């Protein structure tokens, strides 16, 4: 995978219609999709390992990295905010911050990559 393929995957979620999960899920907010694309373009530390990008039933979008015991999730709850969850037992941490804080996004992704190397 590369950045363009990640962007293409994100844009595919524009095709999801309401009820896409057969349980009444909302369509993914186009503003969130475009914010996710801009975030991918602005940050240079995406992978490998590349995140899995998944739609959320409330109309949001989430990037997920899932290791053996550690993980990182960056959920775009709105086009302006990211809610992150990181864990590396026994530590678990979550917070909400501005999507414009790309430095924080880089720190979180680098933290995850560091856990894979045993840093």
Protein backbone atom coordinates (compact mmCIF):
# COMPACT_ATOMS: atom_id res chain seq x y z
CA UNK A 1 0.00 0.00 0.00
CA UNK A 2 1.00 3.61 -0.44
CA UNK A 3 -0.49 7.01 0.39
CA UNK A 4 -2.51 7.21 -2.82
CA UNK A 5 -4.02 3.78 -2.23
CA UNK A 6 -4.92 4.83 1.31
CA UNK A 7 -6.61 7.96 -0.06
CA UNK A 8 -8.45 5.90 -2.68
CA UNK A 9 -9.70 3.56 0.06
CA UNK A 10 -10.99 6.51 2.09
CA UNK A 11 -12.81 8.00 -0.90
CA UNK A 12 -14.56 4.66 -1.57
CA UNK A 13 -16.57 5.29 1.60
CA UNK A 14 -18.40 8.09 -0.24
CA UNK A 15 -20.33 5.29 -1.98
CA UNK A 16 -21.78 3.88 1.25
CA UNK A 17 -25.50 4.53 1.51
CA UNK A 18 -27.46 4.89 4.76
CA UNK A 19 -27.98 1.42 6.25
CA UNK A 20 -24.76 0.09 4.66
CA UNK A 21 -24.23 -2.23 7.64
CA UNK A 22 -27.85 -3.51 7.52
CA UNK A 23 -28.38 -2.09 11.03
CA UNK A 24 -29.26 1.51 10.14
CA UNK A 25 -25.75 2.96 9.92
CA UNK A 26 -25.44 6.51 8.69
CA UNK A 27 -23.69 7.33 5.44
CA UNK A 28 -20.13 8.51 6.07
CA UNK A 29 -20.05 12.29 6.32
CA UNK A 30 -18.36 13.62 3.14
CA UNK A 31 -16.72 16.40 5.20
CA UNK A 32 -15.07 13.73 7.37
CA UNK A 33 -13.87 11.86 4.29
CA UNK A 34 -12.27 15.00 2.86
CA UNK A 35 -10.73 15.84 6.24
CA UNK A 36 -9.26 12.32 6.35
CA UNK A 37 -7.80 12.74 2.86
CA UNK A 38 -6.22 16.07 3.85
CA UNK A 39 -4.81 14.45 6.98
CA UNK A 40 -3.20 11.63 4.99
CA UNK A 41 -1.72 14.18 2.58
CA UNK A 42 -0.36 16.32 5.44
CA UNK A 43 1.30 13.52 7.44
CA UNK A 44 4.27 11.54 6.11
CA UNK A 45 4.57 8.70 8.64
CA UNK A 46 1.62 6.49 7.64
CA UNK A 47 3.37 3.21 7.05
CA UNK A 48 4.23 0.47 6.78
CA UNK A 49 2.49 -0.94 8.65
CA UNK A 50 -0.43 0.81 7.02
CA UNK A 51 -3.58 1.38 9.01
CA UNK A 52 -6.85 -0.32 8.31
CA UNK A 53 -9.47 2.31 7.50
CA UNK A 54 -12.99 1.49 8.59
CA UNK A 55 -16.32 3.27 8.45
CA UNK A 56 -18.19 3.76 11.72
CA UNK A 57 -21.96 3.32 11.98
CA UNK A 58 -22.45 6.91 13.23
CA UNK A 59 -21.01 8.40 10.01
CA UNK A 60 -17.41 8.69 11.20
CA UNK A 61 -14.17 7.17 9.91
CA UNK A 62 -11.41 5.40 11.82
CA UNK A 63 -7.77 4.50 11.19
CA UNK A 64 -6.67 1.38 13.11
CA UNK A 65 -3.30 -0.19 13.81
CA UNK A 66 -3.56 -3.44 15.73
CA UNK A 67 -0.43 -5.16 16.96
CA UNK A 68 0.02 -8.26 19.06
CA UNK A 69 -0.75 -6.47 22.32
CA UNK A 70 -0.66 -2.79 21.46
CA UNK A 71 -2.85 -0.71 19.23
CA UNK A 72 -3.80 2.72 18.05
CA UNK A 73 -7.11 4.07 16.78
CA UNK A 74 -7.62 7.53 15.31
CA UNK A 75 -11.32 8.23 14.85
CA UNK A 76 -12.46 11.29 12.96
CA UNK A 77 -15.58 12.02 14.96
CA UNK A 78 -16.12 15.27 13.04
CA UNK A 79 -14.25 16.98 10.23
CA UNK A 80 -12.46 19.01 12.93
CA UNK A 81 -11.65 16.48 15.66
CA UNK A 82 -9.79 13.24 16.21
CA UNK A 83 -10.55 10.94 19.12
CA UNK A 84 -7.60 8.65 19.69
CA UNK A 85 -7.21 5.52 21.75
CA UNK A 86 -3.83 3.92 22.29
CA UNK A 87 -3.01 0.92 24.38
CA UNK A 88 0.05 -1.06 25.34
CA UNK A 89 -0.96 -3.00 28.47
CA UNK A 90 -1.16 -1.99 31.19
CA UNK A 91 -1.33 1.53 29.71
CA UNK A 92 -4.44 2.78 27.94
CA UNK A 93 -4.90 6.41 26.94
CA UNK A 94 -7.49 8.38 25.00
CA UNK A 95 -8.12 11.99 24.20
CA UNK A 96 -9.80 14.27 21.67
CA UNK A 97 -7.80 16.91 19.79
CA UNK A 98 -8.00 19.12 16.71
CA UNK A 99 -7.44 17.49 13.34
CA UNK A 100 -5.18 20.45 12.57
CA UNK A 101 -2.71 19.19 15.19
CA UNK A 102 -0.75 17.07 12.71
CA UNK A 103 2.22 17.06 15.08
CA UNK A 104 0.08 15.08 17.56
CA UNK A 105 -0.95 12.64 14.81
CA UNK A 106 2.72 12.09 13.92
CA UNK A 107 3.60 11.54 17.61
CA UNK A 108 0.86 8.93 17.99
CA UNK A 109 1.81 7.02 14.85
CA UNK A 110 5.50 7.12 15.79
CA UNK A 111 4.56 5.90 19.29
CA UNK A 112 2.82 2.90 17.73
CA UNK A 113 5.75 2.13 15.41
CA UNK A 114 8.06 2.35 18.44
CA UNK A 115 6.01 -0.27 20.31
CA UNK A 116 6.55 -2.65 17.39
CA UNK A 117 10.31 -2.22 17.66
CA UNK A 118 10.28 -2.55 21.43
CA UNK A 119 11.26 1.10 22.00
